[in-house]
């Protein structure tokens, strides 16, 4: 090999080494910087007094009633088995009633 090719290869190897070292240093600096940042939402200090609410607060007079049970109509029907090769369910499937 000629002396010129050897110098060129050494130069390229040195550039590659320097680029890797620079990248590693940048990554380490970025990781160290992330550790120093404060948390985005610091927790409030603990106090012994209850929180103060703005405005009047009223408790409900009675518990909320349960919603009524839905009324079911008609006779119960056993589901029809799907036939092989049938793309849609059978037509005699129970449809919900429109209110």
PDB file of N, CA and C in Angstrom:
ATOM      1  N   UNK A   1       0.834  -1.178   0.000  1.00  0.00           N
ATOM      2  CA  UNK A   1       0.000   0.000   0.000  1.00  0.00           C
ATOM      3  C   UNK A   1       0.879   1.243   0.000  1.00  0.00           C
ATOM      4  N   UNK A   2       0.379   2.234  -0.657  1.00  0.00           N
ATOM      5  CA  UNK A   2       1.174   3.465  -0.709  1.00  0.00           C
ATOM      6  C   UNK A   2       1.017   4.241   0.594  1.00  0.00           C
ATOM      7  N   UNK A   3       1.957   5.098   0.807  1.00  0.00           N
ATOM      8  CA  UNK A   3       1.968   5.930   2.023  1.00  0.00           C
ATOM      9  C   UNK A   3       0.752   6.845   2.069  1.00  0.00           C
ATOM     10  N   UNK A   4       0.274   7.298   0.913  1.00  0.00           N
ATOM     11  CA  UNK A   4      -0.880   8.195   0.838  1.00  0.00           C
ATOM     12  C   UNK A   4      -2.157   7.486   1.293  1.00  0.00           C
ATOM     13  N   UNK A   5      -2.321   6.209   0.900  1.00  0.00           N
ATOM     14  CA  UNK A   5      -3.522   5.462   1.295  1.00  0.00           C
ATOM     15  C   UNK A   5      -3.545   5.203   2.798  1.00  0.00           C
ATOM     16  N   UNK A   6      -2.380   4.933   3.361  1.00  0.00           N
ATOM     17  CA  UNK A   6      -2.295   4.680   4.801  1.00  0.00           C
ATOM     18  C   UNK A   6      -2.667   5.942   5.575  1.00  0.00           C
ATOM     19  N   UNK A   7      -2.149   7.076   5.142  1.00  0.00           N
ATOM     20  CA  UNK A   7      -2.476   8.351   5.812  1.00  0.00           C
ATOM     21  C   UNK A   7      -3.975   8.646   5.710  1.00  0.00           C
ATOM     22  N   UNK A   8      -4.562   8.380   4.544  1.00  0.00           N
ATOM     23  CA  UNK A   8      -5.994   8.635   4.354  1.00  0.00           C
ATOM     24  C   UNK A   8      -6.821   7.751   5.275  1.00  0.00           C
ATOM     25  N   UNK A   9      -6.456   6.474   5.378  1.00  0.00           N
ATOM     26  CA  UNK A   9      -7.205   5.554   6.247  1.00  0.00           C
ATOM     27  C   UNK A   9      -7.077   5.948   7.714  1.00  0.00           C
ATOM     28  N   UNK A  10      -5.885   6.355   8.120  1.00  0.00           N
ATOM     29  CA  UNK A  10      -5.705   6.797   9.515  1.00  0.00           C
ATOM     30  C   UNK A  10      -6.533   8.045   9.796  1.00  0.00           C
ATOM     31  N   UNK A  11      -6.550   8.949   8.828  1.00  0.00           N
ATOM     32  CA  UNK A  11      -7.341  10.169   8.983  1.00  0.00           C
ATOM     33  C   UNK A  11      -8.823   9.838   9.120  1.00  0.00           C
ATOM     34  N   UNK A  12      -9.338   8.949   8.278  1.00  0.00           N
ATOM     35  CA  UNK A  12     -10.742   8.567   8.356  1.00  0.00           C
ATOM     36  C   UNK A  12     -11.053   7.828   9.662  1.00  0.00           C
ATOM     37  N   UNK A  13     -10.129   6.994  10.114  1.00  0.00           N
ATOM     38  CA  UNK A  13     -10.328   6.298  11.384  1.00  0.00           C
ATOM     39  C   UNK A  13     -10.354   7.299  12.542  1.00  0.00           C
ATOM     40  N   UNK A  14      -9.468   8.300  12.506  1.00  0.00           N
ATOM     41  CA  UNK A  14      -9.460   9.331  13.548  1.00  0.00           C
ATOM     42  C   UNK A  14     -10.754  10.142  13.542  1.00  0.00           C
ATOM     43  N   UNK A  15     -11.264  10.451  12.330  1.00  0.00           N
ATOM     44  CA  UNK A  15     -12.535  11.178  12.250  1.00  0.00           C
ATOM     45  C   UNK A  15     -13.672  10.345  12.832  1.00  0.00           C
ATOM     46  N   UNK A  16     -13.688   9.056  12.522  1.00  0.00           N
ATOM     47  CA  UNK A  16     -14.739   8.181  13.037  1.00  0.00           C
ATOM     48  C   UNK A  16     -14.665   8.084  14.562  1.00  0.00           C
ATOM     49  N   UNK A  17     -13.447   7.980  15.108  1.00  0.00           N
ATOM     50  CA  UNK A  17     -13.273   7.905  16.557  1.00  0.00           C
ATOM     51  C   UNK A  17     -13.724   9.206  17.220  1.00  0.00           C
ATOM     52  N   UNK A  18     -13.352  10.331  16.637  1.00  0.00           N
ATOM     53  CA  UNK A  18     -13.733  11.633  17.208  1.00  0.00           C
ATOM     54  C   UNK A  18     -15.250  11.822  17.150  1.00  0.00           C
ATOM     55  N   UNK A  19     -15.887  11.387  16.057  1.00  0.00           N
ATOM     56  CA  UNK A  19     -17.343  11.504  15.959  1.00  0.00           C
ATOM     57  C   UNK A  19     -18.045  10.654  17.001  1.00  0.00           C
ATOM     58  N   UNK A  20     -17.543   9.449  17.234  1.00  0.00           N
ATOM     59  CA  UNK A  20     -18.131   8.585  18.262  1.00  0.00           C
ATOM     60  C   UNK A  20     -17.958   9.166  19.650  1.00  0.00           C
ATOM     61  N   UNK A  21     -16.771   9.722  19.930  1.00  0.00           N
ATOM     62  CA  UNK A  21     -16.529  10.331  21.244  1.00  0.00           C
ATOM     63  C   UNK A  21     -17.432  11.543  21.452  1.00  0.00           C
ATOM     64  N   UNK A  22     -17.606  12.337  20.397  1.00  0.00           N
ATOM     65  CA  UNK A  22     -18.473  13.512  20.499  1.00  0.00           C
ATOM     66  C   UNK A  22     -19.928  13.105  20.735  1.00  0.00           C
ATOM     67  N   UNK A  23     -20.380  12.054  20.061  1.00  0.00           N
ATOM     68  CA  UNK A  23     -21.749  11.569  20.248  1.00  0.00           C
ATOM     69  C   UNK A  23     -21.952  11.042  21.665  1.00  0.00           C
ATOM     70  N   UNK A  24     -20.995  10.277  22.169  1.00  0.00           N
ATOM     71  CA  UNK A  24     -21.094   9.741  23.527  1.00  0.00           C
ATOM     72  C   UNK A  24     -21.131  10.856  24.559  1.00  0.00           C
ATOM     73  N   UNK A  25     -20.299  11.882  24.359  1.00  0.00           N
ATOM     74  CA  UNK A  25     -20.291  13.007  25.300  1.00  0.00           C
ATOM     75  C   UNK A  25     -21.622  13.749  25.279  1.00  0.00           C
ATOM     76  N   UNK A  26     -22.205  13.911  24.094  1.00  0.00           N
ATOM     77  CA  UNK A  26     -23.495  14.604  24.003  1.00  0.00           C
ATOM     78  C   UNK A  26     -24.596  13.801  24.688  1.00  0.00           C
ATOM     79  N   UNK A  27     -24.580  12.491  24.502  1.00  0.00           N
ATOM     80  CA  UNK A  27     -25.594  11.656  25.145  1.00  0.00           C
ATOM     81  C   UNK A  27     -25.455  11.676  26.662  1.00  0.00           C
ATOM     82  N   UNK A  28     -24.224  11.625  27.153  1.00  0.00           N
ATOM     83  CA  UNK A  28     -24.015  11.679  28.605  1.00  0.00           C
ATOM     84  C   UNK A  28     -24.441  13.028  29.174  1.00  0.00           C
ATOM     85  N   UNK A  29     -24.146  14.107  28.476  1.00  0.00           N
ATOM     86  CA  UNK A  29     -24.550  15.432  28.947  1.00  0.00           C
ATOM     87  C   UNK A  29     -26.067  15.564  28.965  1.00  0.00           C
ATOM     88  N   UNK A  30     -26.723  14.990  27.950  1.00  0.00           N
ATOM     89  CA  UNK A  30     -28.186  15.064  27.884  1.00  0.00           C
ATOM     90  C   UNK A  30     -28.809  14.247  29.014  1.00  0.00           C
ATOM     91  N   UNK A  31     -28.249  13.095  29.335  1.00  0.00           N
ATOM     92  CA  UNK A  31     -28.782  12.268  30.414  1.00  0.00           C
ATOM     93  C   UNK A  31     -28.591  12.951  31.765  1.00  0.00           C
ATOM     94  N   UNK A  32     -27.452  13.587  31.974  1.00  0.00           N
ATOM     95  CA  UNK A  32     -27.210  14.291  33.224  1.00  0.00           C
ATOM     96  C   UNK A  32     -28.097  15.506  33.375  1.00  0.00           C
ATOM     97  N   UNK A  33     -28.403  16.166  32.277  1.00  0.00           N
ATOM     98  CA  UNK A  33     -29.273  17.337  32.311  1.00  0.00           C
ATOM     99  C   UNK A  33     -30.702  16.946  32.671  1.00  0.00           C
ATOM    100  N   UNK A  34     -31.151  15.786  32.202  1.00  0.00           N
ATOM    101  CA  UNK A  34     -32.510  15.337  32.477  1.00  0.00           C
ATOM    102  C   UNK A  34     -32.694  15.022  33.959  1.00  0.00           C
ATOM    103  N   UNK A  35     -31.631  14.556  34.621  1.00  0.00           N
ATOM    104  CA  UNK A  35     -31.735  14.241  36.051  1.00  0.00           C
ATOM    105  C   UNK A  35     -31.861  15.494  36.902  1.00  0.00           C
ATOM    106  N   UNK A  36     -31.343  16.614  36.450  1.00  0.00           N
ATOM    107  CA  UNK A  36     -31.347  17.845  37.240  1.00  0.00           C
ATOM    108  C   UNK A  36     -32.661  18.611  37.160  1.00  0.00           C
ATOM    109  N   UNK A  37     -33.485  18.311  36.155  1.00  0.00           N
ATOM    110  CA  UNK A  37     -34.730  19.061  35.976  1.00  0.00           C
ATOM    111  C   UNK A  37     -35.710  18.732  37.103  1.00  0.00           C
ATOM    112  N   UNK A  38     -36.467  19.726  37.592  1.00  0.00           N
ATOM    113  CA  UNK A  38     -37.468  19.442  38.618  1.00  0.00           C
ATOM    114  C   UNK A  38     -38.646  18.679  38.017  1.00  0.00           C
ATOM    115  N   UNK A  39     -39.387  18.024  38.869  1.00  0.00           N
ATOM    116  CA  UNK A  39     -40.546  17.276  38.380  1.00  0.00           C
ATOM    117  C   UNK A  39     -41.578  18.250  37.811  1.00  0.00           C
ATOM    118  N   UNK A  40     -42.332  17.849  36.790  1.00  0.00           N
ATOM    119  CA  UNK A  40     -43.268  18.773  36.144  1.00  0.00           C
ATOM    120  C   UNK A  40     -44.401  19.225  37.056  1.00  0.00           C
ATOM    121  N   UNK A  41     -44.828  18.399  37.982  1.00  0.00           N
ATOM    122  CA  UNK A  41     -45.910  18.793  38.885  1.00  0.00           C
ATOM    123  C   UNK A  41     -45.524  18.408  40.311  1.00  0.00           C
ATOM    124  N   UNK A  42     -44.870  19.313  41.023  1.00  0.00           N
ATOM    125  CA  UNK A  42     -44.479  18.981  42.398  1.00  0.00           C
ATOM    126  C   UNK A  42     -45.707  18.835  43.283  1.00  0.00           C
ATOM    127  N   UNK A  43     -45.621  17.926  44.237  1.00  0.00           N
ATOM    128  CA  UNK A  43     -46.760  17.715  45.132  1.00  0.00           C
ATOM    129  C   UNK A  43     -46.844  18.876  46.128  1.00  0.00           C
ATOM    130  N   UNK A  44     -48.061  19.290  46.484  1.00  0.00           N
ATOM    131  CA  UNK A  44     -48.207  20.407  47.424  1.00  0.00           C
ATOM    132  C   UNK A  44     -47.774  19.983  48.823  1.00  0.00           C
ATOM    133  N   UNK A  45     -47.365  20.929  49.636  1.00  0.00           N
ATOM    134  CA  UNK A  45     -46.944  20.584  50.996  1.00  0.00           C
ATOM    135  C   UNK A  45     -48.139  20.090  51.818  1.00  0.00           C
ATOM    136  N   UNK A  46     -47.888  19.148  52.715  1.00  0.00           N
ATOM    137  CA  UNK A  46     -48.941  18.591  53.573  1.00  0.00           C
ATOM    138  C   UNK A  46     -49.284  19.600  54.667  1.00  0.00           C
ATOM    139  N   UNK A  47     -50.583  19.826  54.877  1.00  0.00           N
ATOM    140  CA  UNK A  47     -51.043  20.725  55.933  1.00  0.00           C
ATOM    141  C   UNK A  47     -52.043  19.982  56.806  1.00  0.00           C
ATOM    142  N   UNK A  48     -52.209  20.469  58.026  1.00  0.00           N
ATOM    143  CA  UNK A  48     -53.137  19.822  58.948  1.00  0.00           C
ATOM    144  C   UNK A  48     -54.554  20.390  58.834  1.00  0.00           C
ATOM    145  N   UNK A  49     -54.719  21.552  58.212  1.00  0.00           N
ATOM    146  CA  UNK A  49     -56.052  22.135  58.113  1.00  0.00           C
ATOM    147  C   UNK A  49     -56.764  21.629  56.855  1.00  0.00           C
ATOM    148  N   UNK A  50     -58.109  21.530  56.907  1.00  0.00           N
ATOM    149  CA  UNK A  50     -58.863  21.028  55.754  1.00  0.00           C
ATOM    150  C   UNK A  50     -58.845  22.035  54.608  1.00  0.00           C
ATOM    151  N   UNK A  51     -59.062  21.582  53.400  1.00  0.00           N
ATOM    152  CA  UNK A  51     -59.064  22.519  52.272  1.00  0.00           C
ATOM    153  C   UNK A  51     -60.259  23.454  52.341  1.00  0.00           C
ATOM    154  N   UNK A  52     -60.055  24.682  51.915  1.00  0.00           N
ATOM    155  CA  UNK A  52     -61.119  25.681  51.901  1.00  0.00           C
ATOM    156  C   UNK A  52     -61.777  25.683  50.531  1.00  0.00           C
ATOM    157  N   UNK A  53     -63.092  25.534  50.488  1.00  0.00           N
ATOM    158  CA  UNK A  53     -63.837  25.533  49.239  1.00  0.00           C
ATOM    159  C   UNK A  53     -64.474  26.899  49.031  1.00  0.00           C
ATOM    160  N   UNK A  54     -64.440  27.376  47.806  1.00  0.00           N
ATOM    161  CA  UNK A  54     -65.066  28.658  47.498  1.00  0.00           C
ATOM    162  C   UNK A  54     -66.563  28.450  47.307  1.00  0.00           C
ATOM    163  N   UNK A  55     -67.374  29.326  47.848  1.00  0.00           N
ATOM    164  CA  UNK A  55     -68.822  29.258  47.664  1.00  0.00           C
ATOM    165  C   UNK A  55     -69.483  28.309  48.650  1.00  0.00           C
ATOM    166  N   UNK A  56     -70.819  28.218  48.549  1.00  0.00           N
ATOM    167  CA  UNK A  56     -71.581  27.356  49.442  1.00  0.00           C
ATOM    168  C   UNK A  56     -71.574  25.926  48.921  1.00  0.00           C
ATOM    169  N   UNK A  57     -71.473  24.991  49.855  1.00  0.00           N
ATOM    170  CA  UNK A  57     -71.511  23.576  49.512  1.00  0.00           C
ATOM    171  C   UNK A  57     -72.691  22.973  50.246  1.00  0.00           C
ATOM    172  N   UNK A  58     -73.564  22.281  49.532  1.00  0.00           N
ATOM    173  CA  UNK A  58     -74.730  21.670  50.158  1.00  0.00           C
ATOM    174  C   UNK A  58     -74.712  20.175  49.898  1.00  0.00           C
ATOM    175  N   UNK A  59     -75.002  19.423  50.940  1.00  0.00           N
ATOM    176  CA  UNK A  59     -75.117  17.977  50.794  1.00  0.00           C
ATOM    177  C   UNK A  59     -76.505  17.668  50.237  1.00  0.00           C
ATOM    178  N   UNK A  60     -76.656  16.609  49.460  1.00  0.00           N
ATOM    179  CA  UNK A  60     -77.984  16.272  48.953  1.00  0.00           C
ATOM    180  C   UNK A  60     -78.927  15.931  50.098  1.00  0.00           C
ATOM    181  N   UNK A  61     -80.203  16.347  49.979  1.00  0.00           N
ATOM    182  CA  UNK A  61     -81.183  16.126  51.041  1.00  0.00           C
ATOM    183  C   UNK A  61     -81.499  14.635  51.200  1.00  0.00           C
ATOM    184  N   UNK A  62     -81.595  13.910  50.108  1.00  0.00           N
ATOM    185  CA  UNK A  62     -81.875  12.480  50.188  1.00  0.00           C
ATOM    186  C   UNK A  62     -80.987  11.770  49.167  1.00  0.00           C
ATOM    187  N   UNK A  63     -80.746  10.496  49.374  1.00  0.00           N
ATOM    188  CA  UNK A  63     -79.916   9.789  48.402  1.00  0.00           C
ATOM    189  C   UNK A  63     -80.611   9.741  47.039  1.00  0.00           C
ATOM    190  N   UNK A  64     -79.843   9.698  46.003  1.00  0.00           N
ATOM    191  CA  UNK A  64     -80.412   9.673  44.659  1.00  0.00           C
ATOM    192  C   UNK A  64     -81.135   8.351  44.431  1.00  0.00           C
ATOM    193  N   UNK A  65     -82.332   8.402  43.838  1.00  0.00           N
ATOM    194  CA  UNK A  65     -83.078   7.159  43.627  1.00  0.00           C
ATOM    195  C   UNK A  65     -82.449   6.317  42.527  1.00  0.00           C
ATOM    196  N   UNK A  66     -82.668   4.997  42.624  1.00  0.00           N
ATOM    197  CA  UNK A  66     -82.162   4.096  41.595  1.00  0.00           C
ATOM    198  C   UNK A  66     -83.043   4.217  40.367  1.00  0.00           C
ATOM    199  N   UNK A  67     -82.465   4.073  39.181  1.00  0.00           N
ATOM    200  CA  UNK A  67     -83.294   4.137  37.976  1.00  0.00           C
ATOM    201  C   UNK A  67     -84.226   2.922  37.924  1.00  0.00           C
ATOM    202  N   UNK A  68     -85.428   3.077  37.335  1.00  0.00           N
ATOM    203  CA  UNK A  68     -86.365   1.952  37.292  1.00  0.00           C
ATOM    204  C   UNK A  68     -85.834   0.844  36.376  1.00  0.00           C
ATOM    205  N   UNK A  69     -86.216  -0.384  36.714  1.00  0.00           N
ATOM    206  CA  UNK A  69     -85.822  -1.532  35.902  1.00  0.00           C
ATOM    207  C   UNK A  69     -86.559  -1.472  34.567  1.00  0.00           C
ATOM    208  N   UNK A  70     -85.916  -1.831  33.474  1.00  0.00           N
ATOM    209  CA  UNK A  70     -86.614  -1.807  32.187  1.00  0.00           C
ATOM    210  C   UNK A  70     -87.663  -2.912  32.129  1.00  0.00           C
ATOM    211  N   UNK A  71     -88.795  -2.594  31.513  1.00  0.00           N
ATOM    212  CA  UNK A  71     -89.871  -3.576  31.390  1.00  0.00           C
ATOM    213  C   UNK A  71     -89.609  -4.429  30.153  1.00  0.00           C
ATOM    214  N   UNK A  72     -89.582  -5.729  30.347  1.00  0.00           N
ATOM    215  CA  UNK A  72     -89.368  -6.640  29.238  1.00  0.00           C
ATOM    216  C   UNK A  72     -90.720  -7.174  28.790  1.00  0.00           C
ATOM    217  N   UNK A  73     -90.946  -7.189  27.495  1.00  0.00           N
ATOM    218  CA  UNK A  73     -92.214  -7.681  26.994  1.00  0.00           C
ATOM    219  C   UNK A  73     -91.998  -8.847  26.048  1.00  0.00           C
ATOM    220  N   UNK A  74     -93.049  -9.596  25.819  1.00  0.00           N
ATOM    221  CA  UNK A  74     -92.960 -10.709  24.874  1.00  0.00           C
ATOM    222  C   UNK A  74     -92.497 -11.985  25.534  1.00  0.00           C
ATOM    223  N   UNK A  75     -92.499 -13.058  24.746  1.00  0.00           N
ATOM    224  CA  UNK A  75     -92.080 -14.367  25.232  1.00  0.00           C
ATOM    225  C   UNK A  75     -90.583 -14.538  25.025  1.00  0.00           C
ATOM    226  N   UNK A  76     -89.918 -15.212  25.956  1.00  0.00           N
ATOM    227  CA  UNK A  76     -88.510 -15.508  25.718  1.00  0.00           C
ATOM    228  C   UNK A  76     -88.378 -16.503  24.562  1.00  0.00           C
ATOM    229  N   UNK A  77     -87.338 -16.360  23.790  1.00  0.00           N
ATOM    230  CA  UNK A  77     -87.139 -17.227  22.637  1.00  0.00           C
ATOM    231  C   UNK A  77     -85.709 -17.731  22.641  1.00  0.00           C
ATOM    232  N   UNK A  78     -85.537 -19.006  22.389  1.00  0.00           N
ATOM    233  CA  UNK A  78     -84.199 -19.584  22.340  1.00  0.00           C
ATOM    234  C   UNK A  78     -83.490 -19.093  21.082  1.00  0.00           C
ATOM    235  N   UNK A  79     -82.194 -18.858  21.163  1.00  0.00           N
ATOM    236  CA  UNK A  79     -81.484 -18.392  19.979  1.00  0.00           C
ATOM    237  C   UNK A  79     -81.454 -19.475  18.901  1.00  0.00           C
ATOM    238  N   UNK A  80     -81.532 -19.059  17.654  1.00  0.00           N
ATOM    239  CA  UNK A  80     -81.497 -19.990  16.531  1.00  0.00           C
ATOM    240  C   UNK A  80     -80.040 -20.238  16.144  1.00  0.00           C
ATOM    241  N   UNK A  81     -79.673 -21.476  15.900  1.00  0.00           N
ATOM    242  CA  UNK A  81     -78.289 -21.754  15.520  1.00  0.00           C
ATOM    243  C   UNK A  81     -78.009 -21.226  14.115  1.00  0.00           C
ATOM    244  N   UNK A  82     -76.787 -20.764  13.919  1.00  0.00           N
ATOM    245  CA  UNK A  82     -76.375 -20.292  12.602  1.00  0.00           C
ATOM    246  C   UNK A  82     -76.150 -21.499  11.711  1.00  0.00           C
ATOM    247  N   UNK A  83     -76.595 -21.414  10.471  1.00  0.00           N
ATOM    248  CA  UNK A  83     -76.381 -22.480   9.517  1.00  0.00           C
ATOM    249  C   UNK A  83     -75.041 -22.272   8.825  1.00  0.00           C
ATOM    250  N   UNK A  84     -74.434 -23.364   8.445  1.00  0.00           N
ATOM    251  CA  UNK A  84     -73.127 -23.292   7.797  1.00  0.00           C
ATOM    252  C   UNK A  84     -73.249 -22.527   6.472  1.00  0.00           C
ATOM    253  N   UNK A  85     -72.359 -21.573   6.259  1.00  0.00           N
ATOM    254  CA  UNK A  85     -72.347 -20.790   5.040  1.00  0.00           C
ATOM    255  C   UNK A  85     -73.318 -19.634   5.054  1.00  0.00           C
ATOM    256  N   UNK A  86     -74.002 -19.408   6.162  1.00  0.00           N
ATOM    257  CA  UNK A  86     -74.966 -18.310   6.253  1.00  0.00           C
ATOM    258  C   UNK A  86     -74.221 -17.033   6.619  1.00  0.00           C
ATOM    259  N   UNK A  87     -74.253 -15.998   5.777  1.00  0.00           N
ATOM    260  CA  UNK A  87     -73.447 -14.812   6.035  1.00  0.00           C
ATOM    261  C   UNK A  87     -74.016 -13.914   7.126  1.00  0.00           C
ATOM    262  N   UNK A  88     -75.317 -13.905   7.324  1.00  0.00           N
ATOM    263  CA  UNK A  88     -75.934 -13.009   8.297  1.00  0.00           C
ATOM    264  C   UNK A  88     -76.752 -13.856   9.266  1.00  0.00           C
ATOM    265  N   UNK A  89     -77.079 -13.312  10.444  1.00  0.00           N
ATOM    266  CA  UNK A  89     -77.923 -14.075  11.361  1.00  0.00           C
ATOM    267  C   UNK A  89     -79.313 -14.272  10.764  1.00  0.00           C
ATOM    268  N   UNK A  90     -80.054 -15.267  11.246  1.00  0.00           N
ATOM    269  CA  UNK A  90     -81.393 -15.517  10.712  1.00  0.00           C
ATOM    270  C   UNK A  90     -82.308 -14.316  10.907  1.00  0.00           C
ATOM    271  N   UNK A  91     -83.361 -14.237  10.104  1.00  0.00           N
ATOM    272  CA  UNK A  91     -84.287 -13.096  10.151  1.00  0.00           C
ATOM    273  C   UNK A  91     -85.147 -13.104  11.409  1.00  0.00           C
ATOM    274  N   UNK A  92     -85.298 -14.265  12.060  1.00  0.00           N
ATOM    275  CA  UNK A  92     -86.177 -14.328  13.221  1.00  0.00           C
ATOM    276  C   UNK A  92     -85.448 -13.980  14.525  1.00  0.00           C
ATOM    277  N   UNK A  93     -84.413 -13.187  14.447  1.00  0.00           N
ATOM    278  CA  UNK A  93     -83.715 -12.716  15.637  1.00  0.00           C
ATOM    279  C   UNK A  93     -84.560 -11.615  16.263  1.00  0.00           C
ATOM    280  N   UNK A  94     -84.630 -11.616  17.591  1.00  0.00           N
ATOM    281  CA  UNK A  94     -85.444 -10.618  18.296  1.00  0.00           C
ATOM    282  C   UNK A  94     -84.809  -9.240  18.125  1.00  0.00           C
ATOM    283  N   UNK A  95     -85.579  -8.321  17.648  1.00  0.00           N
ATOM    284  CA  UNK A  95     -85.142  -6.936  17.476  1.00  0.00           C
ATOM    285  C   UNK A  95     -85.650  -6.104  18.654  1.00  0.00           C
ATOM    286  N   UNK A  96     -84.860  -5.153  19.160  1.00  0.00           N
ATOM    287  CA  UNK A  96     -85.352  -4.328  20.263  1.00  0.00           C
ATOM    288  C   UNK A  96     -86.497  -3.441  19.801  1.00  0.00           C
ATOM    289  N   UNK A  97     -87.428  -3.241  20.712  1.00  0.00           N
ATOM    290  CA  UNK A  97     -88.585  -2.385  20.395  1.00  0.00           C
ATOM    291  C   UNK A  97     -88.157  -0.930  20.428  1.00  0.00           C
ATOM    292  N   UNK A  98     -88.677  -0.158  19.490  1.00  0.00           N
ATOM    293  CA  UNK A  98     -88.395   1.265  19.461  1.00  0.00           C
ATOM    294  C   UNK A  98     -89.344   1.989  20.407  1.00  0.00           C
ATOM    295  N   UNK A  99     -88.857   2.853  21.284  1.00  0.00           N
ATOM    296  CA  UNK A  99     -89.747   3.549  22.220  1.00  0.00           C
ATOM    297  C   UNK A  99     -90.589   4.601  21.552  1.00  0.00           C
TER     298      UNK A  99
END
